[in-house]
Amino acid sequence: MEWHDHCVMPHHVAKKAWRKSLFASLGWVPALCGAALLAGCQAMALSAVGAGATSGIERTLNGVGYRTFTATGPQVKSAALRALTRMGIRPLAPAPSLASADKSNPDVVRASAADRDIELEFEILASNATRLRVKVKSGLFYDAATAIEILRQTERMLQHT
């Protein structure tokens, strides 16, 4: 064995100890990165599920909001348009009439706010039941918070009529 003046252990032992300490100190980096990524996904999924469950509004995890109202189609559409006005959002084009109860061709209102494209789809389910689907898209992502707020404001406007 070869001994060096500056260390108290053989050279080959010192070399192995150095490698071991390097890998031990860097071994936590991939685990930490993986945990951070998984924690982010879990937080997003749990917040999306929790928000939908507590608000009384059904929605999928992709950020599209759904709500069925016990009201006629024209009542829900009028309330939704008032909700948009209250929020400072104007429809892009005049909305088609809800005169036909054709489920294959639901009534759609499009609007825009900031960098978001908003789409409200009204579907008459029965004479006094209307389903409202709100999709708010910002670039490649959906904005569930804005969609939920539009649904909440629509519900509020229906209660004040």
N, C-alpha and C. Protein backbone atom coordinates (compact mmCIF):
# COMPACT_ATOMS: atom_id res chain seq x y z
N MET A 1 0.83 -1.18 0.00
CA MET A 1 0.00 0.00 0.00
C MET A 1 0.87 1.23 0.00
N GLU A 2 0.37 2.18 -0.70
CA GLU A 2 1.10 3.44 -0.82
C GLU A 2 0.49 4.46 0.12
N TRP A 3 1.29 5.05 0.95
CA TRP A 3 0.85 6.05 1.90
C TRP A 3 1.30 7.41 1.42
N HIS A 4 0.48 8.40 1.60
CA HIS A 4 0.84 9.77 1.23
C HIS A 4 1.03 10.57 2.51
N ASP A 5 1.86 11.60 2.39
CA ASP A 5 2.12 12.43 3.56
C ASP A 5 0.88 13.20 4.01
N HIS A 6 0.03 13.57 3.04
CA HIS A 6 -1.08 14.45 3.39
C HIS A 6 -2.35 13.71 3.81
N CYS A 7 -2.41 12.41 3.75
CA CYS A 7 -3.60 11.71 4.21
C CYS A 7 -3.19 10.52 5.07
N VAL A 8 -4.12 10.08 5.85
CA VAL A 8 -3.82 9.02 6.80
C VAL A 8 -4.32 7.67 6.33
N MET A 9 -4.87 7.58 5.12
CA MET A 9 -5.34 6.31 4.60
C MET A 9 -4.69 6.01 3.26
N PRO A 10 -4.73 4.77 2.84
CA PRO A 10 -4.13 4.42 1.56
C PRO A 10 -4.80 5.19 0.42
N HIS A 11 -4.10 5.42 -0.68
CA HIS A 11 -4.56 6.21 -1.82
C HIS A 11 -5.84 5.64 -2.43
N HIS A 12 -5.91 4.33 -2.65
CA HIS A 12 -7.09 3.74 -3.28
C HIS A 12 -8.33 3.85 -2.38
N VAL A 13 -8.17 3.87 -1.09
CA VAL A 13 -9.29 4.04 -0.16
C VAL A 13 -9.78 5.48 -0.20
N ALA A 14 -8.87 6.44 -0.25
CA ALA A 14 -9.23 7.85 -0.32
C ALA A 14 -9.98 8.14 -1.61
N LYS A 15 -9.57 7.53 -2.73
CA LYS A 15 -10.23 7.73 -4.02
C LYS A 15 -11.66 7.21 -3.98
N LYS A 16 -11.87 6.02 -3.42
CA LYS A 16 -13.22 5.45 -3.31
C LYS A 16 -14.11 6.29 -2.39
N ALA A 17 -13.54 6.76 -1.31
CA ALA A 17 -14.31 7.58 -0.36
C ALA A 17 -14.76 8.88 -1.03
N TRP A 18 -13.91 9.47 -1.86
CA TRP A 18 -14.26 10.71 -2.56
C TRP A 18 -15.40 10.47 -3.53
N ARG A 19 -15.33 9.38 -4.32
CA ARG A 19 -16.41 9.05 -5.26
C ARG A 19 -17.72 8.79 -4.52
N LYS A 20 -17.63 8.06 -3.46
CA LYS A 20 -18.82 7.74 -2.68
C LYS A 20 -19.48 9.00 -2.12
N SER A 21 -18.67 9.91 -1.61
CA SER A 21 -19.24 11.14 -1.05
C SER A 21 -19.84 12.02 -2.14
N LEU A 22 -19.25 12.03 -3.35
CA LEU A 22 -19.78 12.82 -4.46
C LEU A 22 -21.14 12.27 -4.87
N PHE A 23 -21.25 10.96 -5.08
CA PHE A 23 -22.52 10.38 -5.49
C PHE A 23 -23.58 10.50 -4.39
N ALA A 24 -23.14 10.37 -3.17
CA ALA A 24 -24.08 10.51 -2.06
C ALA A 24 -24.64 11.93 -1.99
N SER A 25 -23.78 12.92 -2.27
CA SER A 25 -24.25 14.31 -2.19
C SER A 25 -25.10 14.70 -3.38
N LEU A 26 -24.91 14.07 -4.54
CA LEU A 26 -25.70 14.40 -5.73
C LEU A 26 -26.88 13.46 -5.94
N GLY A 27 -26.93 12.38 -5.21
CA GLY A 27 -27.99 11.39 -5.40
C GLY A 27 -29.38 11.91 -5.10
N TRP A 28 -29.51 12.92 -4.30
CA TRP A 28 -30.83 13.46 -3.93
C TRP A 28 -31.40 14.38 -5.00
N VAL A 29 -30.58 14.87 -5.95
CA VAL A 29 -31.06 15.83 -6.95
C VAL A 29 -32.16 15.24 -7.83
N PRO A 30 -31.97 14.06 -8.48
CA PRO A 30 -33.07 13.52 -9.30
C PRO A 30 -34.32 13.22 -8.49
N ALA A 31 -34.14 12.73 -7.28
CA ALA A 31 -35.29 12.42 -6.44
C ALA A 31 -36.08 13.69 -6.10
N LEU A 32 -35.36 14.77 -5.80
CA LEU A 32 -36.01 16.03 -5.47
C LEU A 32 -36.75 16.59 -6.68
N CYS A 33 -36.13 16.54 -7.86
CA CYS A 33 -36.78 17.03 -9.08
C CYS A 33 -38.04 16.22 -9.38
N GLY A 34 -37.95 14.92 -9.25
CA GLY A 34 -39.12 14.07 -9.49
C GLY A 34 -40.24 14.35 -8.52
N ALA A 35 -39.88 14.51 -7.26
CA ALA A 35 -40.89 14.80 -6.24
C ALA A 35 -41.56 16.14 -6.49
N ALA A 36 -40.78 17.13 -6.91
CA ALA A 36 -41.35 18.45 -7.19
C ALA A 36 -42.33 18.38 -8.35
N LEU A 37 -41.98 17.64 -9.39
CA LEU A 37 -42.88 17.52 -10.53
C LEU A 37 -44.16 16.79 -10.15
N LEU A 38 -44.04 15.70 -9.42
CA LEU A 38 -45.23 14.97 -9.01
C LEU A 38 -46.08 15.77 -8.04
N ALA A 39 -45.45 16.50 -7.16
CA ALA A 39 -46.20 17.32 -6.21
C ALA A 39 -46.98 18.40 -6.94
N GLY A 40 -46.41 18.98 -7.98
CA GLY A 40 -47.11 20.00 -8.76
C GLY A 40 -48.33 19.43 -9.44
N CYS A 41 -48.21 18.25 -10.04
CA CYS A 41 -49.34 17.62 -10.71
C CYS A 41 -50.43 17.28 -9.70
N GLN A 42 -50.02 16.75 -8.57
CA GLN A 42 -50.98 16.38 -7.55
C GLN A 42 -51.71 17.61 -7.03
N ALA A 43 -50.99 18.69 -6.82
CA ALA A 43 -51.61 19.91 -6.31
C ALA A 43 -52.62 20.44 -7.32
N MET A 44 -52.27 20.42 -8.60
CA MET A 44 -53.19 20.91 -9.62
C MET A 44 -54.43 20.03 -9.68
N ALA A 45 -54.24 18.72 -9.67
CA ALA A 45 -55.38 17.81 -9.76
C ALA A 45 -56.28 17.94 -8.54
N LEU A 46 -55.69 18.00 -7.35
CA LEU A 46 -56.50 18.12 -6.14
C LEU A 46 -57.22 19.45 -6.07
N SER A 47 -56.57 20.54 -6.48
CA SER A 47 -57.25 21.83 -6.44
C SER A 47 -58.38 21.88 -7.45
N ALA A 48 -58.18 21.26 -8.60
CA ALA A 48 -59.24 21.24 -9.61
C ALA A 48 -60.43 20.42 -9.13
N VAL A 49 -60.17 19.26 -8.54
CA VAL A 49 -61.26 18.43 -8.04
C VAL A 49 -61.93 19.10 -6.87
N GLY A 50 -61.15 19.67 -5.96
CA GLY A 50 -61.72 20.32 -4.78
C GLY A 50 -62.56 21.52 -5.13
N ALA A 51 -62.09 22.33 -6.06
CA ALA A 51 -62.84 23.53 -6.44
C ALA A 51 -64.16 23.15 -7.07
N GLY A 52 -64.17 22.14 -7.90
CA GLY A 52 -65.41 21.71 -8.53
C GLY A 52 -66.38 21.11 -7.54
N ALA A 53 -65.86 20.39 -6.58
CA ALA A 53 -66.73 19.72 -5.60
C ALA A 53 -67.35 20.72 -4.64
N THR A 54 -66.63 21.75 -4.25
CA THR A 54 -67.16 22.67 -3.27
C THR A 54 -68.02 23.77 -3.87
N SER A 55 -67.90 24.02 -5.15
CA SER A 55 -68.63 25.13 -5.73
C SER A 55 -70.01 24.74 -6.23
N GLY A 56 -70.34 23.45 -6.27
CA GLY A 56 -71.63 23.03 -6.78
C GLY A 56 -71.69 23.08 -8.29
N ILE A 57 -70.56 23.22 -8.91
CA ILE A 57 -70.49 23.32 -10.36
C ILE A 57 -69.72 22.11 -10.86
N GLU A 58 -70.34 21.35 -11.76
CA GLU A 58 -69.64 20.22 -12.33
C GLU A 58 -68.69 20.72 -13.40
N ARG A 59 -67.50 20.13 -13.42
CA ARG A 59 -66.58 20.48 -14.49
C ARG A 59 -65.55 19.40 -14.63
N THR A 60 -64.98 19.33 -15.81
CA THR A 60 -63.93 18.35 -16.03
C THR A 60 -62.61 18.97 -15.63
N LEU A 61 -61.56 18.16 -15.57
CA LEU A 61 -60.26 18.66 -15.16
C LEU A 61 -59.62 19.54 -16.22
N ASN A 62 -60.17 19.58 -17.42
CA ASN A 62 -59.56 20.41 -18.46
C ASN A 62 -59.99 21.87 -18.37
N GLY A 63 -60.80 22.23 -17.40
CA GLY A 63 -61.12 23.62 -17.18
C GLY A 63 -62.41 24.11 -17.82
N VAL A 64 -63.19 23.24 -18.40
CA VAL A 64 -64.47 23.63 -18.97
C VAL A 64 -65.53 23.48 -17.90
N GLY A 65 -66.33 24.54 -17.69
CA GLY A 65 -67.34 24.53 -16.64
C GLY A 65 -68.71 24.16 -17.17
N TYR A 66 -69.45 23.37 -16.40
CA TYR A 66 -70.80 22.93 -16.76
C TYR A 66 -71.74 23.19 -15.61
N ARG A 67 -72.97 23.55 -15.95
CA ARG A 67 -73.99 23.73 -14.90
C ARG A 67 -75.35 23.63 -15.56
N THR A 68 -76.25 22.88 -14.94
CA THR A 68 -77.62 22.80 -15.42
C THR A 68 -78.48 23.65 -14.49
N PHE A 69 -79.24 24.55 -15.09
CA PHE A 69 -80.10 25.46 -14.34
C PHE A 69 -81.55 25.05 -14.51
N THR A 70 -82.33 25.22 -13.46
CA THR A 70 -83.77 24.98 -13.54
C THR A 70 -84.41 26.29 -13.99
N ALA A 71 -84.33 26.50 -15.28
CA ALA A 71 -84.88 27.71 -15.90
C ALA A 71 -84.98 27.45 -17.40
N THR A 72 -85.77 28.27 -18.06
CA THR A 72 -85.92 28.11 -19.51
C THR A 72 -84.64 28.58 -20.21
N GLY A 73 -84.49 28.15 -21.45
CA GLY A 73 -83.32 28.55 -22.23
C GLY A 73 -83.16 30.06 -22.33
N PRO A 74 -84.23 30.79 -22.71
CA PRO A 74 -84.11 32.25 -22.79
C PRO A 74 -83.76 32.91 -21.45
N GLN A 75 -84.27 32.37 -20.34
CA GLN A 75 -83.93 32.93 -19.03
C GLN A 75 -82.45 32.75 -18.72
N VAL A 76 -81.90 31.57 -19.00
CA VAL A 76 -80.49 31.31 -18.72
C VAL A 76 -79.61 32.15 -19.63
N LYS A 77 -80.00 32.27 -20.90
CA LYS A 77 -79.20 33.07 -21.83
C LYS A 77 -79.20 34.54 -21.42
N SER A 78 -80.36 35.05 -21.05
CA SER A 78 -80.45 36.44 -20.61
C SER A 78 -79.59 36.67 -19.36
N ALA A 79 -79.65 35.73 -18.41
CA ALA A 79 -78.86 35.85 -17.18
C ALA A 79 -77.37 35.79 -17.49
N ALA A 80 -76.98 34.92 -18.40
CA ALA A 80 -75.56 34.78 -18.76
C ALA A 80 -75.05 36.05 -19.45
N LEU A 81 -75.86 36.63 -20.31
CA LEU A 81 -75.45 37.87 -20.98
C LEU A 81 -75.35 39.02 -19.98
N ARG A 82 -76.26 39.07 -19.00
CA ARG A 82 -76.16 40.09 -17.95
C ARG A 82 -74.92 39.85 -17.08
N ALA A 83 -74.60 38.59 -16.83
CA ALA A 83 -73.40 38.25 -16.05
C ALA A 83 -72.14 38.71 -16.78
N LEU A 84 -72.10 38.48 -18.08
CA LEU A 84 -70.94 38.95 -18.86
C LEU A 84 -70.83 40.47 -18.80
N THR A 85 -71.97 41.16 -18.94
CA THR A 85 -71.98 42.63 -18.87
C THR A 85 -71.49 43.10 -17.51
N ARG A 86 -71.96 42.46 -16.46
CA ARG A 86 -71.54 42.82 -15.09
C ARG A 86 -70.04 42.66 -14.92
N MET A 87 -69.47 41.65 -15.59
CA MET A 87 -68.04 41.39 -15.50
C MET A 87 -67.23 42.25 -16.48
N GLY A 88 -67.91 43.04 -17.30
CA GLY A 88 -67.21 43.89 -18.26
C GLY A 88 -66.78 43.16 -19.52
N ILE A 89 -67.46 42.06 -19.83
CA ILE A 89 -67.15 41.25 -21.02
C ILE A 89 -68.29 41.40 -22.01
N ARG A 90 -67.95 41.75 -23.25
CA ARG A 90 -68.99 41.90 -24.28
C ARG A 90 -68.93 40.74 -25.26
N PRO A 91 -70.09 40.23 -25.66
CA PRO A 91 -70.11 39.18 -26.69
C PRO A 91 -69.50 39.71 -28.00
N LEU A 92 -68.87 38.82 -28.76
CA LEU A 92 -68.23 39.23 -30.01
C LEU A 92 -69.22 39.46 -31.13
N ALA A 93 -70.26 38.64 -31.20
CA ALA A 93 -71.24 38.76 -32.27
C ALA A 93 -72.62 38.50 -31.69
N PRO A 94 -73.67 38.97 -32.35
CA PRO A 94 -75.02 38.68 -31.85
C PRO A 94 -75.24 37.18 -31.76
N ALA A 95 -75.85 36.77 -30.66
CA ALA A 95 -76.08 35.35 -30.42
C ALA A 95 -77.32 34.89 -31.16
N PRO A 96 -77.32 33.68 -31.70
CA PRO A 96 -78.52 33.16 -32.35
C PRO A 96 -79.65 32.94 -31.35
N SER A 97 -80.85 32.83 -31.84
CA SER A 97 -82.03 32.69 -30.99
C SER A 97 -82.12 31.29 -30.41
N LEU A 98 -82.74 31.20 -29.25
CA LEU A 98 -82.98 29.91 -28.61
C LEU A 98 -84.36 29.37 -28.97
N ALA A 99 -84.92 29.83 -30.08
CA ALA A 99 -86.27 29.42 -30.46
C ALA A 99 -86.36 27.92 -30.72
N SER A 100 -85.32 27.34 -31.33
CA SER A 100 -85.38 25.90 -31.61
C SER A 100 -84.75 25.14 -30.45
N ALA A 101 -85.38 24.05 -30.08
CA ALA A 101 -84.88 23.22 -28.99
C ALA A 101 -84.09 22.04 -29.55
N ASP A 102 -83.42 22.24 -30.69
CA ASP A 102 -82.65 21.19 -31.34
C ASP A 102 -81.37 20.94 -30.55
N LYS A 103 -81.25 19.76 -29.94
CA LYS A 103 -80.09 19.45 -29.11
C LYS A 103 -78.82 19.29 -29.93
N SER A 104 -78.93 18.96 -31.21
CA SER A 104 -77.73 18.78 -32.03
C SER A 104 -77.11 20.11 -32.44
N ASN A 105 -77.86 21.21 -32.29
CA ASN A 105 -77.36 22.53 -32.66
C ASN A 105 -77.57 23.49 -31.49
N PRO A 106 -76.75 23.38 -30.44
CA PRO A 106 -76.95 24.25 -29.28
C PRO A 106 -76.61 25.70 -29.61
N ASP A 107 -77.19 26.59 -28.84
CA ASP A 107 -76.96 28.02 -28.99
C ASP A 107 -75.60 28.36 -28.40
N VAL A 108 -74.80 29.15 -29.12
CA VAL A 108 -73.45 29.47 -28.67
C VAL A 108 -73.25 30.99 -28.68
N VAL A 109 -72.67 31.50 -27.60
CA VAL A 109 -72.28 32.91 -27.50
C VAL A 109 -70.77 32.94 -27.34
N ARG A 110 -70.12 33.75 -28.16
CA ARG A 110 -68.66 33.90 -28.05
C ARG A 110 -68.35 35.31 -27.56
N ALA A 111 -67.32 35.39 -26.73
CA ALA A 111 -66.89 36.67 -26.17
C ALA A 111 -65.38 36.65 -26.04
N SER A 112 -64.83 37.81 -25.68
CA SER A 112 -63.39 37.91 -25.50
C SER A 112 -63.09 38.86 -24.35
N ALA A 113 -62.09 38.51 -23.55
CA ALA A 113 -61.66 39.36 -22.44
C ALA A 113 -60.17 39.18 -22.27
N ALA A 114 -59.44 40.28 -22.26
CA ALA A 114 -57.97 40.24 -22.17
C ALA A 114 -57.45 39.32 -23.26
N ASP A 115 -56.71 38.30 -22.91
CA ASP A 115 -56.19 37.37 -23.91
C ASP A 115 -56.94 36.05 -23.88
N ARG A 116 -58.21 36.09 -23.50
CA ARG A 116 -59.01 34.88 -23.36
C ARG A 116 -60.15 34.83 -24.37
N ASP A 117 -60.35 33.66 -24.93
CA ASP A 117 -61.49 33.40 -25.80
C ASP A 117 -62.54 32.67 -24.98
N ILE A 118 -63.75 33.21 -24.95
CA ILE A 118 -64.81 32.68 -24.11
C ILE A 118 -65.93 32.15 -25.00
N GLU A 119 -66.43 30.98 -24.62
CA GLU A 119 -67.53 30.38 -25.37
C GLU A 119 -68.57 29.87 -24.38
N LEU A 120 -69.81 30.33 -24.53
CA LEU A 120 -70.93 29.88 -23.71
C LEU A 120 -71.85 29.09 -24.62
N GLU A 121 -72.15 27.87 -24.22
CA GLU A 121 -73.03 27.01 -25.01
C GLU A 121 -74.26 26.67 -24.19
N PHE A 122 -75.42 26.98 -24.73
CA PHE A 122 -76.70 26.75 -24.05
C PHE A 122 -77.37 25.55 -24.70
N GLU A 123 -77.77 24.60 -23.89
CA GLU A 123 -78.46 23.41 -24.40
C GLU A 123 -79.75 23.22 -23.61
N ILE A 124 -80.87 23.23 -24.31
CA ILE A 124 -82.16 23.04 -23.66
C ILE A 124 -82.36 21.55 -23.45
N LEU A 125 -82.49 21.15 -22.19
CA LEU A 125 -82.68 19.75 -21.85
C LEU A 125 -84.15 19.41 -21.70
N ALA A 126 -84.92 20.34 -21.18
CA ALA A 126 -86.37 20.19 -21.01
C ALA A 126 -86.96 21.59 -21.01
N SER A 127 -88.28 21.68 -20.87
CA SER A 127 -88.92 23.00 -20.94
C SER A 127 -88.40 23.95 -19.85
N ASN A 128 -87.95 23.40 -18.73
CA ASN A 128 -87.49 24.24 -17.63
C ASN A 128 -86.12 23.78 -17.10
N ALA A 129 -85.29 23.26 -17.99
CA ALA A 129 -83.93 22.84 -17.62
C ALA A 129 -82.98 23.17 -18.78
N THR A 130 -81.97 23.95 -18.47
CA THR A 130 -81.01 24.38 -19.49
C THR A 130 -79.60 24.15 -18.97
N ARG A 131 -78.82 23.54 -19.80
CA ARG A 131 -77.41 23.27 -19.46
C ARG A 131 -76.55 24.35 -20.09
N LEU A 132 -75.66 24.93 -19.26
CA LEU A 132 -74.73 25.95 -19.74
C LEU A 132 -73.31 25.40 -19.61
N ARG A 133 -72.61 25.43 -20.73
CA ARG A 133 -71.20 25.01 -20.75
C ARG A 133 -70.37 26.25 -21.03
N VAL A 134 -69.39 26.53 -20.18
CA VAL A 134 -68.53 27.71 -20.34
C VAL A 134 -67.09 27.24 -20.55
N LYS A 135 -66.52 27.67 -21.65
CA LYS A 135 -65.13 27.32 -21.96
C LYS A 135 -64.36 28.63 -22.12
N VAL A 136 -63.32 28.80 -21.31
CA VAL A 136 -62.48 29.99 -21.38
C VAL A 136 -61.07 29.51 -21.67
N LYS A 137 -60.54 29.96 -22.80
CA LYS A 137 -59.22 29.49 -23.22
C LYS A 137 -58.27 30.68 -23.33
N SER A 138 -57.09 30.50 -22.77
CA SER A 138 -56.03 31.51 -22.84
C SER A 138 -54.83 30.86 -23.49
N GLY A 139 -54.68 31.07 -24.78
CA GLY A 139 -53.60 30.40 -25.51
C GLY A 139 -53.87 28.92 -25.59
N LEU A 140 -52.95 28.12 -25.07
CA LEU A 140 -53.11 26.67 -25.08
C LEU A 140 -53.80 26.14 -23.84
N PHE A 141 -54.03 27.00 -22.86
CA PHE A 141 -54.55 26.55 -21.57
C PHE A 141 -55.98 27.03 -21.35
N TYR A 142 -56.69 26.26 -20.54
CA TYR A 142 -58.05 26.63 -20.15
C TYR A 142 -58.00 27.40 -18.82
N ASP A 143 -58.91 28.36 -18.69
CA ASP A 143 -58.99 29.18 -17.48
C ASP A 143 -60.25 28.78 -16.73
N ALA A 144 -60.12 27.81 -15.84
CA ALA A 144 -61.26 27.30 -15.10
C ALA A 144 -61.82 28.33 -14.14
N ALA A 145 -60.98 29.17 -13.57
CA ALA A 145 -61.44 30.16 -12.60
C ALA A 145 -62.42 31.14 -13.24
N THR A 146 -62.11 31.60 -14.44
CA THR A 146 -63.00 32.54 -15.13
C THR A 146 -64.29 31.83 -15.54
N ALA A 147 -64.19 30.59 -16.00
CA ALA A 147 -65.38 29.83 -16.39
C ALA A 147 -66.31 29.65 -15.19
N ILE A 148 -65.75 29.32 -14.04
CA ILE A 148 -66.56 29.14 -12.84
C ILE A 148 -67.20 30.46 -12.41
N GLU A 149 -66.46 31.54 -12.52
CA GLU A 149 -67.03 32.84 -12.12
C GLU A 149 -68.17 33.24 -13.05
N ILE A 150 -68.07 32.96 -14.33
CA ILE A 150 -69.18 33.25 -15.25
C ILE A 150 -70.40 32.43 -14.86
N LEU A 151 -70.21 31.16 -14.51
CA LEU A 151 -71.33 30.32 -14.08
C LEU A 151 -71.94 30.84 -12.77
N ARG A 152 -71.10 31.24 -11.84
CA ARG A 152 -71.60 31.78 -10.56
C ARG A 152 -72.39 33.07 -10.78
N GLN A 153 -71.87 33.95 -11.62
CA GLN A 153 -72.58 35.21 -11.89
C GLN A 153 -73.88 34.96 -12.63
N THR A 154 -73.90 33.95 -13.51
CA THR A 154 -75.15 33.60 -14.20
C THR A 154 -76.18 33.13 -13.19
N GLU A 155 -75.76 32.29 -12.26
CA GLU A 155 -76.66 31.82 -11.21
C GLU A 155 -77.18 32.99 -10.38
N ARG A 156 -76.31 33.91 -10.08
CA ARG A 156 -76.69 35.10 -9.30
C ARG A 156 -77.73 35.94 -10.06
N MET A 157 -77.52 36.11 -11.36
CA MET A 157 -78.47 36.90 -12.16
C MET A 157 -79.82 36.19 -12.24
N LEU A 158 -79.81 34.86 -12.30
CA LEU A 158 -81.07 34.12 -12.32
C LEU A 158 -81.84 34.29 -11.00
N GLN A 159 -81.12 34.37 -9.90
CA GLN A 159 -81.77 34.54 -8.60
C GLN A 159 -82.39 35.92 -8.45
N HIS A 160 -81.88 36.91 -9.19
CA HIS A 160 -82.40 38.27 -9.09
C HIS A 160 -83.48 38.58 -10.11
N THR A 161 -84.00 37.55 -10.78
CA THR A 161 -85.07 37.82 -11.75
C THR A 161 -86.40 37.35 -11.24
